[in-house]
Amino acid sequence: MSWHGARAKAAAHRGAVNGLQKWAQEVFDGSQKEVPVAPVKGGYLRDSGKVDVDSIGLQAAVSYSGPPTSSDGRSAGTDVAVMVHEDLGASHSTGKAKYLESPLNASRAIGQAIVAREIKKAL
């Protein structure tokens, strides 16, 4: 009998990374449908969305940043994205507050299944 523990561990890790990428993409795709778009020159917030996966730490993040807020192009970035996300009283012609939290919460069960399936497939 041969022991292939290191290979199995590496394969499981690769599967977990793939699963996290797919789950984060699922959340991102859902958030893109819900992120508010300003009626005039809108879309900056939506277009700033991105998915990052830390393959070492096995963490995934979906994030947005706001538009430049000064003439030199510097951005308040995340502050604007957070403000739009958290302001439940704001009225948006498209999208809504909690544009990221809602898709994340809705994806929890399927996300865990996605990661498990990718680990199983890798093994």
N, C-alpha and C. Protein backbone atom coordinates (compact mmCIF):
# COMPACT_ATOMS: atom_id res chain seq x y z
N MET A 1 0.84 -1.17 0.00
CA MET A 1 0.00 0.00 0.00
C MET A 1 0.90 1.24 0.00
N SER A 2 0.57 2.19 -0.85
CA SER A 2 1.33 3.44 -0.93
C SER A 2 0.50 4.57 -0.32
N TRP A 3 1.16 5.40 0.44
CA TRP A 3 0.51 6.55 1.06
C TRP A 3 0.78 7.78 0.20
N HIS A 4 -0.27 8.47 -0.20
CA HIS A 4 -0.16 9.66 -1.04
C HIS A 4 -0.80 10.86 -0.35
N GLY A 5 -0.52 10.99 0.94
CA GLY A 5 -1.13 12.05 1.74
C GLY A 5 -0.84 13.45 1.22
N ALA A 6 0.40 13.71 0.83
CA ALA A 6 0.77 15.05 0.36
C ALA A 6 0.05 15.37 -0.95
N ARG A 7 -0.04 14.38 -1.84
CA ARG A 7 -0.75 14.59 -3.11
C ARG A 7 -2.24 14.82 -2.86
N ALA A 8 -2.81 14.05 -1.96
CA ALA A 8 -4.23 14.21 -1.65
C ALA A 8 -4.51 15.57 -1.02
N LYS A 9 -3.62 15.98 -0.12
CA LYS A 9 -3.79 17.28 0.53
C LYS A 9 -3.69 18.41 -0.50
N ALA A 10 -2.73 18.30 -1.42
CA ALA A 10 -2.57 19.32 -2.46
C ALA A 10 -3.79 19.35 -3.39
N ALA A 11 -4.31 18.19 -3.73
CA ALA A 11 -5.49 18.12 -4.59
C ALA A 11 -6.70 18.72 -3.89
N ALA A 12 -6.87 18.42 -2.61
CA ALA A 12 -7.99 18.98 -1.85
C ALA A 12 -7.87 20.51 -1.78
N HIS A 13 -6.66 20.99 -1.61
CA HIS A 13 -6.43 22.44 -1.56
C HIS A 13 -6.79 23.08 -2.91
N ARG A 14 -6.34 22.49 -4.01
CA ARG A 14 -6.69 23.00 -5.34
C ARG A 14 -8.21 23.00 -5.54
N GLY A 15 -8.86 21.95 -5.10
CA GLY A 15 -10.31 21.88 -5.21
C GLY A 15 -10.99 22.96 -4.40
N ALA A 16 -10.47 23.21 -3.20
CA ALA A 16 -11.04 24.26 -2.35
C ALA A 16 -10.87 25.64 -3.00
N VAL A 17 -9.72 25.89 -3.58
CA VAL A 17 -9.47 27.17 -4.27
C VAL A 17 -10.44 27.32 -5.44
N ASN A 18 -10.59 26.27 -6.24
CA ASN A 18 -11.53 26.31 -7.37
C ASN A 18 -12.96 26.55 -6.89
N GLY A 19 -13.33 25.86 -5.81
CA GLY A 19 -14.68 26.02 -5.26
C GLY A 19 -14.91 27.43 -4.75
N LEU A 20 -13.93 27.99 -4.05
CA LEU A 20 -14.06 29.36 -3.56
C LEU A 20 -14.19 30.34 -4.72
N GLN A 21 -13.42 30.13 -5.77
CA GLN A 21 -13.49 31.00 -6.95
C GLN A 21 -14.89 30.95 -7.55
N LYS A 22 -15.44 29.75 -7.69
CA LYS A 22 -16.77 29.60 -8.28
C LYS A 22 -17.85 30.20 -7.38
N TRP A 23 -17.72 30.00 -6.07
CA TRP A 23 -18.70 30.56 -5.13
C TRP A 23 -18.63 32.09 -5.16
N ALA A 24 -17.43 32.63 -5.11
CA ALA A 24 -17.28 34.08 -5.15
C ALA A 24 -17.83 34.65 -6.45
N GLN A 25 -17.63 33.94 -7.55
CA GLN A 25 -18.18 34.39 -8.82
C GLN A 25 -19.71 34.37 -8.80
N GLU A 26 -20.27 33.38 -8.14
CA GLU A 26 -21.72 33.29 -7.97
C GLU A 26 -22.25 34.51 -7.20
N VAL A 27 -21.56 34.86 -6.12
CA VAL A 27 -21.94 36.04 -5.32
C VAL A 27 -21.78 37.30 -6.16
N PHE A 28 -20.66 37.41 -6.87
CA PHE A 28 -20.41 38.57 -7.71
C PHE A 28 -21.50 38.73 -8.77
N ASP A 29 -21.84 37.64 -9.45
CA ASP A 29 -22.87 37.70 -10.49
C ASP A 29 -24.20 38.16 -9.90
N GLY A 30 -24.54 37.66 -8.72
CA GLY A 30 -25.77 38.09 -8.06
C GLY A 30 -25.72 39.55 -7.66
N SER A 31 -24.59 40.00 -7.18
CA SER A 31 -24.46 41.39 -6.75
C SER A 31 -24.51 42.35 -7.94
N GLN A 32 -24.02 41.91 -9.09
CA GLN A 32 -24.06 42.76 -10.28
C GLN A 32 -25.50 43.08 -10.69
N LYS A 33 -26.42 42.18 -10.38
CA LYS A 33 -27.83 42.40 -10.70
C LYS A 33 -28.49 43.36 -9.72
N GLU A 34 -27.88 43.55 -8.55
CA GLU A 34 -28.50 44.35 -7.49
C GLU A 34 -27.78 45.65 -7.17
N VAL A 35 -26.56 45.84 -7.68
CA VAL A 35 -25.80 47.05 -7.35
C VAL A 35 -26.47 48.26 -8.00
N PRO A 36 -26.69 49.33 -7.24
CA PRO A 36 -27.31 50.52 -7.82
C PRO A 36 -26.43 51.16 -8.91
N VAL A 37 -27.11 51.69 -9.91
CA VAL A 37 -26.43 52.39 -11.01
C VAL A 37 -27.04 53.78 -11.08
N ALA A 38 -26.21 54.80 -10.90
CA ALA A 38 -26.70 56.18 -10.94
C ALA A 38 -27.29 56.49 -12.31
N PRO A 39 -28.40 57.26 -12.35
CA PRO A 39 -29.04 57.55 -13.63
C PRO A 39 -28.19 58.43 -14.57
N VAL A 40 -27.31 59.24 -14.02
CA VAL A 40 -26.45 60.10 -14.84
C VAL A 40 -25.01 59.65 -14.65
N LYS A 41 -24.35 59.31 -15.75
CA LYS A 41 -22.96 58.83 -15.71
C LYS A 41 -22.81 57.67 -14.74
N GLY A 42 -23.81 56.83 -14.67
CA GLY A 42 -23.81 55.71 -13.74
C GLY A 42 -22.98 54.54 -14.22
N GLY A 43 -22.82 53.59 -13.36
CA GLY A 43 -22.13 52.36 -13.69
C GLY A 43 -20.75 52.23 -13.08
N TYR A 44 -20.22 53.32 -12.52
CA TYR A 44 -18.87 53.23 -11.96
C TYR A 44 -18.82 52.21 -10.83
N LEU A 45 -19.78 52.28 -9.93
CA LEU A 45 -19.80 51.35 -8.79
C LEU A 45 -19.92 49.92 -9.31
N ARG A 46 -20.87 49.68 -10.20
CA ARG A 46 -21.06 48.35 -10.78
C ARG A 46 -19.77 47.87 -11.46
N ASP A 47 -19.16 48.74 -12.24
CA ASP A 47 -17.97 48.35 -13.00
C ASP A 47 -16.73 48.16 -12.13
N SER A 48 -16.76 48.68 -10.91
CA SER A 48 -15.61 48.54 -10.02
C SER A 48 -15.59 47.19 -9.29
N GLY A 49 -16.66 46.42 -9.42
CA GLY A 49 -16.74 45.14 -8.71
C GLY A 49 -15.66 44.18 -9.16
N LYS A 50 -15.17 43.40 -8.20
CA LYS A 50 -14.14 42.41 -8.54
C LYS A 50 -14.17 41.25 -7.56
N VAL A 51 -13.60 40.16 -7.99
CA VAL A 51 -13.46 38.95 -7.18
C VAL A 51 -11.98 38.70 -6.95
N ASP A 52 -11.62 38.46 -5.70
CA ASP A 52 -10.25 38.10 -5.36
C ASP A 52 -10.28 36.82 -4.54
N VAL A 53 -9.38 35.89 -4.85
CA VAL A 53 -9.27 34.65 -4.09
C VAL A 53 -7.83 34.52 -3.60
N ASP A 54 -7.69 34.34 -2.29
CA ASP A 54 -6.39 34.10 -1.67
C ASP A 54 -6.20 32.59 -1.62
N SER A 55 -5.41 32.06 -2.52
CA SER A 55 -5.24 30.61 -2.61
C SER A 55 -4.42 30.04 -1.47
N ILE A 56 -3.65 30.86 -0.80
CA ILE A 56 -2.87 30.38 0.36
C ILE A 56 -3.78 30.31 1.59
N GLY A 57 -4.46 31.41 1.87
CA GLY A 57 -5.31 31.48 3.06
C GLY A 57 -6.71 30.92 2.87
N LEU A 58 -7.03 30.48 1.66
CA LEU A 58 -8.35 29.96 1.32
C LEU A 58 -9.46 30.92 1.74
N GLN A 59 -9.35 32.13 1.22
CA GLN A 59 -10.37 33.15 1.44
C GLN A 59 -10.73 33.79 0.11
N ALA A 60 -11.99 34.16 -0.01
CA ALA A 60 -12.44 34.84 -1.22
C ALA A 60 -13.11 36.14 -0.82
N ALA A 61 -13.03 37.13 -1.69
CA ALA A 61 -13.66 38.43 -1.43
C ALA A 61 -14.27 38.96 -2.71
N VAL A 62 -15.45 39.54 -2.56
CA VAL A 62 -16.09 40.29 -3.63
C VAL A 62 -16.13 41.72 -3.12
N SER A 63 -15.66 42.66 -3.92
CA SER A 63 -15.60 44.04 -3.43
C SER A 63 -15.97 45.03 -4.52
N TYR A 64 -16.33 46.22 -4.05
CA TYR A 64 -16.67 47.35 -4.91
C TYR A 64 -15.98 48.58 -4.34
N SER A 65 -15.68 49.54 -5.21
CA SER A 65 -15.14 50.81 -4.76
C SER A 65 -15.91 51.92 -5.46
N GLY A 66 -15.90 53.08 -4.85
CA GLY A 66 -16.65 54.20 -5.41
C GLY A 66 -15.86 54.97 -6.44
N PRO A 67 -16.50 55.94 -7.05
CA PRO A 67 -15.86 56.74 -8.09
C PRO A 67 -14.84 57.72 -7.50
N PRO A 68 -13.97 58.26 -8.34
CA PRO A 68 -13.06 59.30 -7.87
C PRO A 68 -13.87 60.47 -7.32
N THR A 69 -13.41 61.03 -6.23
CA THR A 69 -14.15 62.13 -5.60
C THR A 69 -13.39 63.44 -5.59
N SER A 70 -12.22 63.45 -6.21
CA SER A 70 -11.46 64.70 -6.27
C SER A 70 -10.94 64.90 -7.69
N SER A 71 -10.56 66.11 -7.99
CA SER A 71 -10.13 66.44 -9.35
C SER A 71 -8.84 65.71 -9.75
N ASP A 72 -8.05 65.29 -8.79
CA ASP A 72 -6.82 64.58 -9.14
C ASP A 72 -7.03 63.07 -9.27
N GLY A 73 -8.30 62.63 -9.19
CA GLY A 73 -8.61 61.23 -9.40
C GLY A 73 -8.54 60.36 -8.17
N ARG A 74 -8.15 60.94 -7.03
CA ARG A 74 -8.13 60.14 -5.82
C ARG A 74 -9.56 59.78 -5.45
N SER A 75 -9.71 58.66 -4.79
CA SER A 75 -11.05 58.14 -4.53
C SER A 75 -11.30 57.98 -3.04
N ALA A 76 -12.54 58.24 -2.67
CA ALA A 76 -13.00 57.87 -1.34
C ALA A 76 -13.34 56.39 -1.38
N GLY A 77 -13.38 55.87 -2.59
CA GLY A 77 -13.50 54.45 -2.90
C GLY A 77 -14.45 53.66 -2.04
N THR A 78 -13.88 52.86 -1.19
CA THR A 78 -14.66 51.94 -0.39
C THR A 78 -15.70 52.66 0.43
N ASP A 79 -15.40 53.87 0.92
CA ASP A 79 -16.36 54.61 1.73
C ASP A 79 -17.67 54.82 0.98
N VAL A 80 -17.59 55.17 -0.30
CA VAL A 80 -18.79 55.39 -1.11
C VAL A 80 -19.51 54.07 -1.31
N ALA A 81 -18.79 53.02 -1.63
CA ALA A 81 -19.40 51.71 -1.85
C ALA A 81 -20.11 51.23 -0.59
N VAL A 82 -19.49 51.42 0.56
CA VAL A 82 -20.09 51.01 1.83
C VAL A 82 -21.32 51.87 2.12
N MET A 83 -21.22 53.16 1.90
CA MET A 83 -22.35 54.05 2.15
C MET A 83 -23.56 53.64 1.31
N VAL A 84 -23.36 53.38 0.03
CA VAL A 84 -24.45 52.96 -0.85
C VAL A 84 -25.00 51.61 -0.40
N HIS A 85 -24.12 50.71 -0.01
CA HIS A 85 -24.52 49.38 0.44
C HIS A 85 -25.37 49.45 1.70
N GLU A 86 -24.99 50.31 2.62
CA GLU A 86 -25.64 50.33 3.94
C GLU A 86 -26.85 51.25 4.06
N ASP A 87 -27.04 52.17 3.14
CA ASP A 87 -28.12 53.15 3.27
C ASP A 87 -29.46 52.56 2.85
N LEU A 88 -30.17 52.01 3.83
CA LEU A 88 -31.46 51.39 3.56
C LEU A 88 -32.54 52.40 3.20
N GLY A 89 -32.32 53.66 3.51
CA GLY A 89 -33.31 54.69 3.23
C GLY A 89 -33.18 55.31 1.85
N ALA A 90 -32.12 55.01 1.15
CA ALA A 90 -31.91 55.61 -0.18
C ALA A 90 -32.83 54.96 -1.20
N SER A 91 -33.27 55.78 -2.13
CA SER A 91 -34.10 55.29 -3.22
C SER A 91 -33.24 55.24 -4.49
N HIS A 92 -33.20 54.07 -5.12
CA HIS A 92 -32.37 53.89 -6.32
C HIS A 92 -33.28 53.57 -7.50
N SER A 93 -32.99 54.15 -8.66
CA SER A 93 -33.77 53.83 -9.85
C SER A 93 -33.48 52.41 -10.33
N THR A 94 -32.28 51.93 -10.08
CA THR A 94 -31.93 50.53 -10.34
C THR A 94 -31.13 50.05 -9.15
N GLY A 95 -31.23 48.79 -8.85
CA GLY A 95 -30.46 48.22 -7.75
C GLY A 95 -31.04 48.55 -6.39
N LYS A 96 -30.29 48.19 -5.35
CA LYS A 96 -30.78 48.38 -3.99
C LYS A 96 -29.63 48.35 -2.99
N ALA A 97 -29.94 48.78 -1.78
CA ALA A 97 -28.96 48.65 -0.69
C ALA A 97 -28.74 47.15 -0.43
N LYS A 98 -27.68 46.85 0.26
CA LYS A 98 -27.31 45.47 0.58
C LYS A 98 -27.11 44.64 -0.68
N TYR A 99 -26.61 45.31 -1.73
CA TYR A 99 -26.41 44.67 -3.03
C TYR A 99 -25.38 43.55 -3.00
N LEU A 100 -24.55 43.51 -1.98
CA LEU A 100 -23.56 42.45 -1.86
C LEU A 100 -23.96 41.45 -0.78
N GLU A 101 -24.47 41.94 0.32
CA GLU A 101 -24.86 41.07 1.43
C GLU A 101 -25.99 40.12 1.04
N SER A 102 -26.98 40.61 0.32
CA SER A 102 -28.12 39.77 -0.06
C SER A 102 -27.70 38.57 -0.91
N PRO A 103 -26.92 38.77 -1.97
CA PRO A 103 -26.49 37.60 -2.76
C PRO A 103 -25.59 36.64 -1.97
N LEU A 104 -24.78 37.18 -1.07
CA LEU A 104 -23.94 36.30 -0.25
C LEU A 104 -24.82 35.43 0.64
N ASN A 105 -25.75 36.04 1.35
CA ASN A 105 -26.62 35.26 2.23
C ASN A 105 -27.43 34.23 1.45
N ALA A 106 -27.90 34.61 0.27
CA ALA A 106 -28.69 33.69 -0.56
C ALA A 106 -27.86 32.53 -1.10
N SER A 107 -26.55 32.69 -1.15
CA SER A 107 -25.69 31.67 -1.77
C SER A 107 -25.05 30.72 -0.77
N ARG A 108 -25.28 30.90 0.51
CA ARG A 108 -24.54 30.11 1.51
C ARG A 108 -24.65 28.60 1.29
N ALA A 109 -25.85 28.09 1.15
CA ALA A 109 -26.02 26.64 1.00
C ALA A 109 -25.39 26.15 -0.31
N ILE A 110 -25.68 26.84 -1.39
CA ILE A 110 -25.12 26.41 -2.68
C ILE A 110 -23.61 26.61 -2.70
N GLY A 111 -23.12 27.66 -2.05
CA GLY A 111 -21.69 27.92 -2.02
C GLY A 111 -20.91 26.81 -1.33
N GLN A 112 -21.43 26.35 -0.22
CA GLN A 112 -20.78 25.25 0.48
C GLN A 112 -20.79 23.99 -0.38
N ALA A 113 -21.88 23.77 -1.09
CA ALA A 113 -21.98 22.61 -1.97
C ALA A 113 -20.99 22.73 -3.14
N ILE A 114 -20.83 23.94 -3.65
CA ILE A 114 -19.88 24.17 -4.75
C ILE A 114 -18.46 23.81 -4.29
N VAL A 115 -18.07 24.30 -3.12
CA VAL A 115 -16.72 24.02 -2.61
C VAL A 115 -16.55 22.52 -2.39
N ALA A 116 -17.53 21.88 -1.76
CA ALA A 116 -17.44 20.43 -1.51
C ALA A 116 -17.32 19.65 -2.82
N ARG A 117 -18.12 20.04 -3.83
CA ARG A 117 -18.07 19.35 -5.13
C ARG A 117 -16.70 19.49 -5.78
N GLU A 118 -16.12 20.70 -5.70
CA GLU A 118 -14.80 20.92 -6.32
C GLU A 118 -13.70 20.15 -5.60
N ILE A 119 -13.80 20.04 -4.28
CA ILE A 119 -12.81 19.25 -3.54
C ILE A 119 -12.94 17.78 -3.93
N LYS A 120 -14.17 17.30 -3.96
CA LYS A 120 -14.41 15.90 -4.33
C LYS A 120 -13.90 15.62 -5.74
N LYS A 121 -14.17 16.55 -6.66
CA LYS A 121 -13.73 16.38 -8.04
C LYS A 121 -12.19 16.35 -8.11
N ALA A 122 -11.53 17.18 -7.33
CA ALA A 122 -10.06 17.23 -7.34
C ALA A 122 -9.43 15.96 -6.77
N LEU A 123 -10.13 15.35 -5.84
CA LEU A 123 -9.60 14.13 -5.24
C LEU A 123 -9.85 12.93 -6.13
